[in-house]
Amino acid sequence: MVKLKIGLIGAGNMGQAIIQGLIAEKSYEIWIYEKDESRANLINRKYKLQKKKLEQLTNDSNIIIICVKPQIIDQVLGLIKNQLKPNQLLVSIAAGINTGHIEQQLAEKIPVIRVMPNMPALIGQGISGFCLGKYARTMHVNQVIKIFSAVGKTLAIDESKMDLFTAVAGSGPGFIAYITDCLIKAAVKAGLDKKSAKSLCIKTLQGTINLIDQTGIEPKELAKKVASKGGTTEAGLKVLKAKQTAAIIEQTIKAAAKRAKELSR
């Protein structure tokens, strides 16, 4: 079987998550270009991948995945645009950079797909939203779904909703981590030792999320089931409602989506 050749430009945290997922699939030939020589050598030793010069990687790959920060993507596109061919697929995970912007930087009509993975991809449990440029076709969609399914689930998103996806899925792990930290600190303040509080809170969160996911129960209904009349859960929920927690979370998502839109180009 002929393996698809995938070239990754950039090998930071998310680039490495993609590498790990693709290696596990064993159906791709993977090359990397990483400007940071020490990191490139580390990746080479850890994953036994072939390093390539940028021009060579661009010429030889079927699919090129750009895993660089948004601030330098135009510089990267400027370096590779004359090597790209219409029979290749260009994938970008640079946050906030829309497909139209990428297409404008290129010399040819190249299929482009924008993907927004999130942090849990590092352990194979991410959710990656993707949207298509005007030259991307069904075969390209299938390729992207297969690639990013190696690090979690995938979801097709209209590009007009990508800022909202970024606010919920991209920033969401940060919000959940913050809430988890608050829960742990509250447990410690109430009398638990730090180690026990952390274990208790994390296991409770994991179990609750898995229960919702695996049973399909609505979160609101689960809250009602846990909250017996006159009990401890009801007492705590009254505080959350009095403090307008739902409104605070809504404002949090709106602020993140607004910022994502401001950073987009």
Protein backbone atom coordinates (compact mmCIF):
# COMPACT_ATOMS: atom_id res chain seq x y z
CA MET A 1 0.00 0.00 0.00
CA VAL A 2 1.33 3.42 -0.97
CA LYS A 3 1.47 5.64 2.10
CA LEU A 4 0.36 9.28 1.96
CA LYS A 5 3.27 11.61 2.59
CA ILE A 6 2.47 14.16 5.30
CA GLY A 7 4.81 17.06 5.99
CA LEU A 8 4.46 19.04 9.21
CA ILE A 9 5.83 22.55 9.39
CA GLY A 10 6.38 23.23 13.07
CA ALA A 11 6.53 20.69 15.88
CA GLY A 12 5.30 22.42 19.02
CA ASN A 13 2.81 20.83 21.43
CA MET A 14 0.00 20.45 18.92
CA GLY A 15 2.35 19.40 16.13
CA GLN A 16 3.70 16.66 18.37
CA ALA A 17 0.17 15.56 19.30
CA ILE A 18 -0.58 15.15 15.59
CA ILE A 19 2.70 13.27 15.07
CA GLN A 20 1.87 10.84 17.90
CA GLY A 21 -1.58 10.17 16.48
CA LEU A 22 -0.32 9.65 12.93
CA ILE A 23 2.48 7.32 14.04
CA ALA A 24 -0.09 5.16 15.84
CA GLU A 25 -2.11 4.95 12.61
CA LYS A 26 0.90 3.49 10.73
CA SER A 27 -0.55 4.47 7.37
CA TYR A 28 1.45 7.62 6.65
CA GLU A 29 4.99 8.61 5.83
CA ILE A 30 5.66 11.59 8.09
CA TRP A 31 8.25 14.30 7.61
CA ILE A 32 8.93 17.38 9.70
CA TYR A 33 10.44 20.80 9.26
CA GLU A 34 11.21 22.59 12.51
CA LYS A 35 13.19 25.82 12.55
CA ASP A 36 14.37 25.26 16.12
CA GLU A 37 17.26 22.83 15.56
CA SER A 38 17.32 21.47 19.13
CA ARG A 39 13.60 20.74 19.04
CA ALA A 40 13.92 19.18 15.58
CA ASN A 41 16.66 16.86 16.88
CA LEU A 42 14.56 15.96 19.92
CA ILE A 43 11.56 15.09 17.71
CA ASN A 44 13.81 13.10 15.41
CA ARG A 45 15.18 11.04 18.29
CA LYS A 46 11.83 10.57 20.00
CA TYR A 47 9.72 9.62 16.97
CA LYS A 48 12.41 8.49 14.47
CA LEU A 49 11.06 10.90 11.85
CA GLN A 50 12.94 12.23 8.88
CA LYS A 51 13.83 15.92 9.00
CA LYS A 52 13.59 17.78 5.71
CA LYS A 53 14.44 21.21 4.46
CA LEU A 54 11.36 23.37 4.02
CA GLU A 55 11.50 23.44 0.21
CA GLN A 56 12.05 19.67 -0.01
CA LEU A 57 9.19 18.92 2.41
CA THR A 58 6.85 21.19 0.47
CA ASN A 59 7.75 19.62 -2.86
CA ASP A 60 7.51 16.00 -1.71
CA SER A 61 4.44 15.94 0.59
CA ASN A 62 0.89 15.05 -0.46
CA ILE A 63 -0.48 16.90 2.56
CA ILE A 64 1.25 19.81 4.31
CA ILE A 65 0.12 20.72 7.83
CA ILE A 66 1.18 24.16 9.05
CA CYS A 67 1.55 24.04 12.84
CA VAL A 68 3.03 27.47 13.51
CA LYS A 69 1.85 30.47 15.52
CA PRO A 70 -0.56 32.83 13.72
CA GLN A 71 2.00 35.66 13.91
CA ILE A 72 4.40 33.89 11.53
CA ILE A 73 2.07 32.02 9.17
CA ASP A 74 2.35 34.71 6.45
CA GLN A 75 6.12 34.36 6.57
CA VAL A 76 5.85 30.58 6.16
CA LEU A 77 3.33 30.89 3.33
CA GLY A 78 5.65 33.32 1.57
CA LEU A 79 8.45 30.75 1.71
CA ILE A 80 6.41 27.81 0.37
CA LYS A 81 3.85 29.36 -1.99
CA ASN A 82 5.88 28.82 -5.16
CA GLN A 83 6.46 25.12 -4.39
CA LEU A 84 2.82 24.26 -3.73
CA LYS A 85 0.84 22.42 -6.44
CA PRO A 86 -2.94 22.07 -6.91
CA ASN A 87 -2.77 18.28 -6.35
CA GLN A 88 -1.54 18.87 -2.79
CA LEU A 89 -3.60 19.71 0.31
CA LEU A 90 -2.60 22.52 2.66
CA VAL A 91 -3.92 22.25 6.23
CA SER A 92 -3.49 25.08 8.74
CA ILE A 93 -4.02 24.88 12.49
CA ALA A 94 -2.99 28.51 13.05
CA ALA A 95 -5.68 30.03 15.26
CA GLY A 96 -7.68 32.89 13.78
CA ILE A 97 -6.29 32.64 10.24
CA ASN A 98 -9.16 32.09 7.83
CA THR A 99 -9.00 30.09 4.60
CA GLY A 100 -9.52 33.15 2.40
CA HIS A 101 -6.50 34.86 3.92
CA ILE A 102 -4.36 31.79 3.30
CA GLU A 103 -5.56 31.42 -0.29
CA GLN A 104 -4.70 35.06 -1.02
CA GLN A 105 -1.07 34.39 -0.05
CA LEU A 106 -0.66 31.48 -2.49
CA ALA A 107 0.45 31.50 -6.13
CA GLU A 108 -1.86 28.63 -7.24
CA LYS A 109 -5.41 27.48 -6.56
CA ILE A 110 -4.44 25.19 -3.69
CA PRO A 111 -6.98 23.17 -1.66
CA VAL A 112 -6.92 24.62 1.87
CA ILE A 113 -8.57 23.32 5.03
CA ARG A 114 -8.44 25.16 8.32
CA VAL A 115 -8.50 23.04 11.48
CA MET A 116 -8.85 24.09 15.11
CA PRO A 117 -7.75 21.27 17.43
CA ASN A 118 -7.85 21.69 21.20
CA MET A 119 -5.52 20.80 24.05
CA PRO A 120 -6.95 17.34 24.90
CA ALA A 121 -5.59 16.24 21.51
CA LEU A 122 -2.33 15.80 23.43
CA ILE A 123 -3.84 12.64 24.98
CA GLY A 124 -5.90 11.62 21.95
CA GLN A 125 -9.16 13.05 23.34
CA GLY A 126 -9.40 16.32 21.44
CA ILE A 127 -12.17 17.80 19.33
CA SER A 128 -11.03 19.39 16.07
CA GLY A 129 -13.30 21.73 14.15
CA PHE A 130 -12.56 22.13 10.45
CA CYS A 131 -13.75 24.31 7.59
CA LEU A 132 -13.01 24.31 3.88
CA GLY A 133 -11.39 26.76 1.54
CA LYS A 134 -13.01 27.23 -1.88
CA TYR A 135 -10.82 24.66 -3.65
CA ALA A 136 -11.14 21.85 -1.08
CA ARG A 137 -13.18 18.82 -2.14
CA THR A 138 -14.72 15.72 -0.56
CA MET A 139 -11.50 13.71 -0.88
CA HIS A 140 -9.66 16.41 1.09
CA VAL A 141 -12.33 16.40 3.79
CA ASN A 142 -11.98 12.63 4.15
CA GLN A 143 -8.22 12.96 4.46
CA VAL A 144 -8.48 15.61 7.19
CA ILE A 145 -11.10 13.63 9.11
CA LYS A 146 -8.84 10.57 9.07
CA ILE A 147 -5.77 12.56 10.17
CA PHE A 148 -7.43 14.41 13.04
CA SER A 149 -9.47 11.42 14.17
CA ALA A 150 -6.07 10.11 15.28
CA VAL A 151 -6.11 12.74 18.07
CA GLY A 152 -9.82 12.69 18.96
CA LYS A 153 -13.11 13.59 17.31
CA THR A 154 -13.69 15.91 14.34
CA LEU A 155 -16.51 18.30 13.57
CA ALA A 156 -17.29 20.19 10.36
CA ILE A 157 -17.86 23.88 11.16
CA ASP A 158 -19.02 26.74 8.98
CA GLU A 159 -16.14 29.21 8.94
CA SER A 160 -18.44 31.96 10.20
CA LYS A 161 -18.79 29.93 13.43
CA MET A 162 -15.09 29.16 13.87
CA ASP A 163 -14.55 32.00 16.35
CA LEU A 164 -17.33 30.56 18.51
CA PHE A 165 -15.84 27.07 18.17
CA THR A 166 -12.51 28.52 19.31
CA ALA A 167 -14.16 30.13 22.35
CA VAL A 168 -15.90 26.92 23.43
CA ALA A 169 -13.55 24.10 22.38
CA GLY A 170 -10.25 25.94 22.08
CA SER A 171 -10.54 28.06 25.23
CA GLY A 172 -12.90 25.69 27.07
CA PRO A 173 -10.13 23.50 28.53
CA GLY A 174 -8.67 26.64 30.14
CA PHE A 175 -12.03 27.56 31.66
CA ILE A 176 -12.62 24.03 32.92
CA ALA A 177 -9.10 23.87 34.36
CA TYR A 178 -9.74 27.16 36.18
CA ILE A 179 -13.05 25.88 37.61
CA THR A 180 -11.32 22.65 38.66
CA ASP A 181 -8.61 24.64 40.43
CA CYS A 182 -11.30 26.65 42.26
CA LEU A 183 -13.05 23.43 43.32
CA ILE A 184 -9.79 21.97 44.65
CA LYS A 185 -8.95 25.16 46.56
CA ALA A 186 -12.44 25.26 48.08
CA ALA A 187 -12.09 21.64 49.23
CA VAL A 188 -8.69 22.42 50.79
CA LYS A 189 -10.06 25.50 52.51
CA ALA A 190 -12.93 23.41 53.89
CA GLY A 191 -10.46 20.97 55.47
CA LEU A 192 -9.17 18.39 52.98
CA ASP A 193 -5.45 17.96 52.33
CA LYS A 194 -4.24 19.09 48.87
CA LYS A 195 -3.53 15.59 47.49
CA SER A 196 -6.91 14.19 48.53
CA ALA A 197 -8.76 17.30 47.32
CA LYS A 198 -7.13 17.15 43.89
CA SER A 199 -7.83 13.43 43.44
CA LEU A 200 -11.41 13.77 44.70
CA CYS A 201 -12.26 16.76 42.48
CA ILE A 202 -10.66 15.37 39.31
CA LYS A 203 -12.28 11.94 39.69
CA THR A 204 -15.65 13.57 40.38
CA LEU A 205 -15.35 15.73 37.25
CA GLN A 206 -14.19 12.81 35.10
CA GLY A 207 -16.95 10.52 36.34
CA THR A 208 -19.66 13.15 35.85
CA ILE A 209 -18.56 14.00 32.29
CA ASN A 210 -18.33 10.30 31.38
CA LEU A 211 -21.78 9.70 32.86
CA ILE A 212 -23.27 12.49 30.73
CA ASP A 213 -21.39 11.33 27.63
CA GLN A 214 -22.12 7.61 27.94
CA THR A 215 -25.76 7.77 29.04
CA GLY A 216 -26.81 10.75 26.92
CA ILE A 217 -28.57 12.33 29.88
CA GLU A 218 -28.99 16.09 29.67
CA PRO A 219 -26.69 17.86 32.17
CA LYS A 220 -29.66 19.81 33.55
CA GLU A 221 -31.54 16.57 34.21
CA LEU A 222 -28.53 14.99 35.93
CA ALA A 223 -28.29 18.02 38.22
CA LYS A 224 -31.95 17.51 39.16
CA LYS A 225 -31.38 13.81 39.86
CA VAL A 226 -28.43 14.52 42.16
CA ALA A 227 -30.24 17.34 43.98
CA SER A 228 -32.70 15.66 46.36
CA LYS A 229 -35.11 18.04 48.05
CA GLY A 230 -33.61 19.65 51.12
CA GLY A 231 -30.24 17.96 50.50
CA THR A 232 -26.63 19.07 50.15
CA THR A 233 -26.65 19.45 46.34
CA GLU A 234 -29.75 21.63 46.43
CA ALA A 235 -28.08 23.87 49.01
CA GLY A 236 -25.00 24.30 46.82
CA LEU A 237 -26.99 24.84 43.62
CA LYS A 238 -28.93 27.63 45.30
CA VAL A 239 -25.64 29.49 45.81
CA LEU A 240 -24.59 28.96 42.17
CA LYS A 241 -27.96 30.27 40.95
CA ALA A 242 -27.94 33.22 43.36
CA LYS A 243 -24.47 34.21 42.13
CA GLN A 244 -25.75 34.01 38.52
CA THR A 245 -23.14 31.43 37.50
CA ALA A 246 -24.94 30.70 34.21
CA ALA A 247 -24.71 34.38 33.22
CA ILE A 248 -21.01 34.49 34.17
CA ILE A 249 -20.26 31.48 31.95
CA GLU A 250 -22.26 33.02 29.10
CA GLN A 251 -20.24 36.25 29.42
CA THR A 252 -17.02 34.21 29.48
CA ILE A 253 -17.82 32.51 26.16
CA LYS A 254 -18.91 35.82 24.58
CA ALA A 255 -15.66 37.51 25.65
CA ALA A 256 -13.55 34.68 24.24
CA ALA A 257 -15.49 34.63 20.95
CA LYS A 258 -15.19 38.42 20.64
CA ARG A 259 -11.43 38.21 21.15
CA ALA A 260 -11.14 35.37 18.64
CA LYS A 261 -12.94 37.55 16.09
CA GLU A 262 -10.62 40.49 16.82
CA LEU A 263 -7.57 38.30 16.24
CA SER A 264 -8.91 36.77 13.01
CA ARG A 265 -7.66 37.62 9.58
